[in-house]
Amino acid sequence: MAEEGGTPDSFTIEYAKSGRAKCKHCNKTISKDSIRVGQTYQAEDWDGEFLVWNHMPCFFDRRSDVKNLKNFKGFQVLRPADQPKVKKFLDENAGSDSEEEEKEKENDESSDEMKEDPEYVKQLWALKDQIEKSGMTT
């Protein structure tokens, strides 16, 4: 499996749907509902792509070059309480940026955040939590 040659800027961030995936960095299981980061790779044996999953801290430990929120598909559907956790890792990776680059990054991130209504996302997560509590999940 290709570990180093992923497609640039092709990351997915989401909650683990089950507890079956393993982190490719530490080789431990990624527990259900924890935040995981996947990188898309081109398959060598077939015409398609696949995701390689990592725990969020493991991903940022391996990929300190990733510094921009725009690189992550799925960030907007994370719970509002979890979004700052991701930003914290990005801020640590971007620690060497100049003040001007930092301001530009903040402007880019704020315009990305405005693409979806945060109140709508909060309502969606509240509805999901209610459904899980009622036991109506499939």
Protein backbone atom coordinates (compact mmCIF):
# COMPACT_ATOMS: atom_id res chain seq x y z
CA MET A 1 0.00 0.00 0.00
CA ALA A 2 1.25 3.44 -0.88
CA GLU A 3 1.95 5.40 2.28
CA GLU A 4 3.85 8.44 1.13
CA GLY A 5 2.39 9.23 -2.29
CA GLY A 6 -1.13 10.42 -1.57
CA THR A 7 -2.98 12.86 -3.72
CA PRO A 8 -2.05 16.36 -2.51
CA ASP A 9 -4.72 18.23 -0.62
CA SER A 10 -7.17 15.33 -0.69
CA PHE A 11 -8.11 14.73 2.92
CA THR A 12 -11.38 13.64 4.47
CA ILE A 13 -12.23 14.30 8.09
CA GLU A 14 -15.18 12.60 9.76
CA TYR A 15 -16.39 10.61 12.70
CA ALA A 16 -15.49 6.93 12.50
CA LYS A 17 -18.59 5.04 11.39
CA SER A 18 -17.55 1.83 13.14
CA GLY A 19 -14.71 0.61 15.29
CA ARG A 20 -13.15 -1.50 12.52
CA ALA A 21 -10.71 0.88 10.79
CA LYS A 22 -7.09 0.93 11.87
CA CYS A 23 -4.83 3.95 12.02
CA LYS A 24 -2.06 3.54 9.46
CA HIS A 25 0.35 5.47 11.69
CA CYS A 26 0.04 3.69 15.04
CA ASN A 27 -1.80 0.57 13.77
CA LYS A 28 -4.40 0.80 16.57
CA THR A 29 -8.15 0.63 16.04
CA ILE A 30 -9.96 3.93 15.50
CA SER A 31 -12.91 3.81 17.90
CA LYS A 32 -16.44 4.50 16.68
CA ASP A 33 -17.47 8.19 16.64
CA SER A 34 -13.91 9.45 17.16
CA ILE A 35 -12.55 11.96 14.67
CA ARG A 36 -10.49 10.34 11.94
CA VAL A 37 -8.61 11.80 8.99
CA GLY A 38 -8.27 10.00 5.69
CA GLN A 39 -5.97 10.65 2.79
CA THR A 40 -7.00 9.62 -0.70
CA TYR A 41 -4.61 7.47 -2.71
CA GLN A 42 -4.75 6.30 -6.30
CA ALA A 43 -5.09 2.52 -6.41
CA GLU A 44 -2.31 0.70 -8.22
CA ASP A 45 -4.24 -2.50 -8.94
CA TRP A 46 -7.51 -1.01 -10.19
CA ASP A 47 -8.85 2.21 -11.64
CA GLY A 48 -9.97 4.01 -8.53
CA GLU A 49 -9.02 5.61 -5.25
CA PHE A 50 -9.04 4.51 -1.63
CA LEU A 51 -8.77 6.22 1.75
CA VAL A 52 -6.07 5.53 4.32
CA TRP A 53 -7.37 6.41 7.80
CA ASN A 54 -5.50 7.88 10.78
CA HIS A 55 -6.41 9.09 14.24
CA MET A 56 -6.52 12.87 14.09
CA PRO A 57 -3.42 13.33 16.33
CA CYS A 58 -1.51 10.64 14.39
CA PHE A 59 -2.34 12.31 11.08
CA PHE A 60 -1.06 15.70 12.20
CA ASP A 61 2.00 14.06 13.74
CA ARG A 62 2.83 12.53 10.33
CA ARG A 63 1.71 15.42 8.16
CA SER A 64 3.02 18.60 9.75
CA ASP A 65 3.04 20.17 6.28
CA VAL A 66 -0.78 20.34 6.21
CA LYS A 67 -1.68 23.83 7.41
CA ASN A 68 -4.90 24.82 5.67
CA LEU A 69 -8.48 24.07 6.61
CA LYS A 70 -9.49 24.10 2.94
CA ASN A 71 -7.70 20.76 2.52
CA PHE A 72 -10.32 18.87 4.56
CA LYS A 73 -13.52 17.60 3.02
CA GLY A 74 -16.12 17.11 5.73
CA PHE A 75 -14.91 19.70 8.23
CA GLN A 76 -18.22 21.60 8.13
CA VAL A 77 -20.23 18.57 9.28
CA LEU A 78 -18.15 18.06 12.41
CA ARG A 79 -19.88 19.11 15.61
CA PRO A 80 -19.21 22.76 16.43
CA ALA A 81 -17.53 21.64 19.67
CA ASP A 82 -15.08 19.46 17.70
CA GLN A 83 -14.12 21.97 15.02
CA PRO A 84 -11.75 23.93 17.34
CA LYS A 85 -9.87 20.68 18.08
CA VAL A 86 -9.00 20.35 14.39
CA LYS A 87 -8.11 24.04 14.16
CA LYS A 88 -5.77 23.62 17.13
CA PHE A 89 -3.75 20.98 15.28
CA LEU A 90 -3.65 23.16 12.18
CA ASP A 91 -2.52 26.14 14.25
CA GLU A 92 0.32 24.07 15.73
CA ASN A 93 1.40 23.04 12.20
CA ALA A 94 1.18 26.64 11.02
CA GLY A 95 3.21 27.97 13.95
CA SER A 96 6.04 29.02 11.65
CA ASP A 97 3.80 31.20 9.42
CA SER A 98 4.38 34.91 9.29
CA GLU A 99 1.72 37.30 10.60
CA GLU A 100 0.65 38.16 7.06
CA GLU A 101 0.22 34.47 6.13
CA GLU A 102 -1.69 33.92 9.38
CA LYS A 103 -4.15 36.74 8.57
CA GLU A 104 -4.64 35.41 5.05
CA LYS A 105 -5.29 31.93 6.44
CA GLU A 106 -7.86 33.26 8.92
CA ASN A 107 -9.67 35.10 6.11
CA ASP A 108 -9.72 31.93 4.00
CA GLU A 109 -11.01 29.85 6.92
CA SER A 110 -13.73 32.32 7.84
CA SER A 111 -14.99 32.43 4.25
CA ASP A 112 -15.05 28.60 4.19
CA GLU A 113 -16.97 28.52 7.48
CA MET A 114 -19.61 30.86 6.09
CA LYS A 115 -20.47 28.44 3.28
CA GLU A 116 -22.70 26.51 5.67
CA ASP A 117 -24.93 27.99 8.30
CA PRO A 118 -23.45 26.97 11.69
CA GLU A 119 -26.90 27.03 13.29
CA TYR A 120 -28.13 24.52 10.71
CA VAL A 121 -25.19 22.22 11.45
CA LYS A 122 -25.92 22.45 15.19
CA GLN A 123 -29.55 21.51 14.54
CA LEU A 124 -28.48 18.53 12.44
CA TRP A 125 -26.21 17.24 15.20
CA ALA A 126 -28.91 17.73 17.81
CA LEU A 127 -31.32 15.72 15.65
CA LYS A 128 -28.71 12.97 15.18
CA ASP A 129 -28.14 12.81 18.94
CA GLN A 130 -31.90 12.57 19.57
CA ILE A 131 -32.22 9.72 17.09
CA GLU A 132 -29.32 7.84 18.68
CA LYS A 133 -30.83 8.29 22.16
CA SER A 134 -34.19 6.98 21.01
CA GLY A 135 -32.56 3.87 19.53
CA MET A 136 -33.88 4.50 16.03
CA THR A 137 -30.51 4.06 14.31
CA THR A 138 -30.11 1.34 11.72
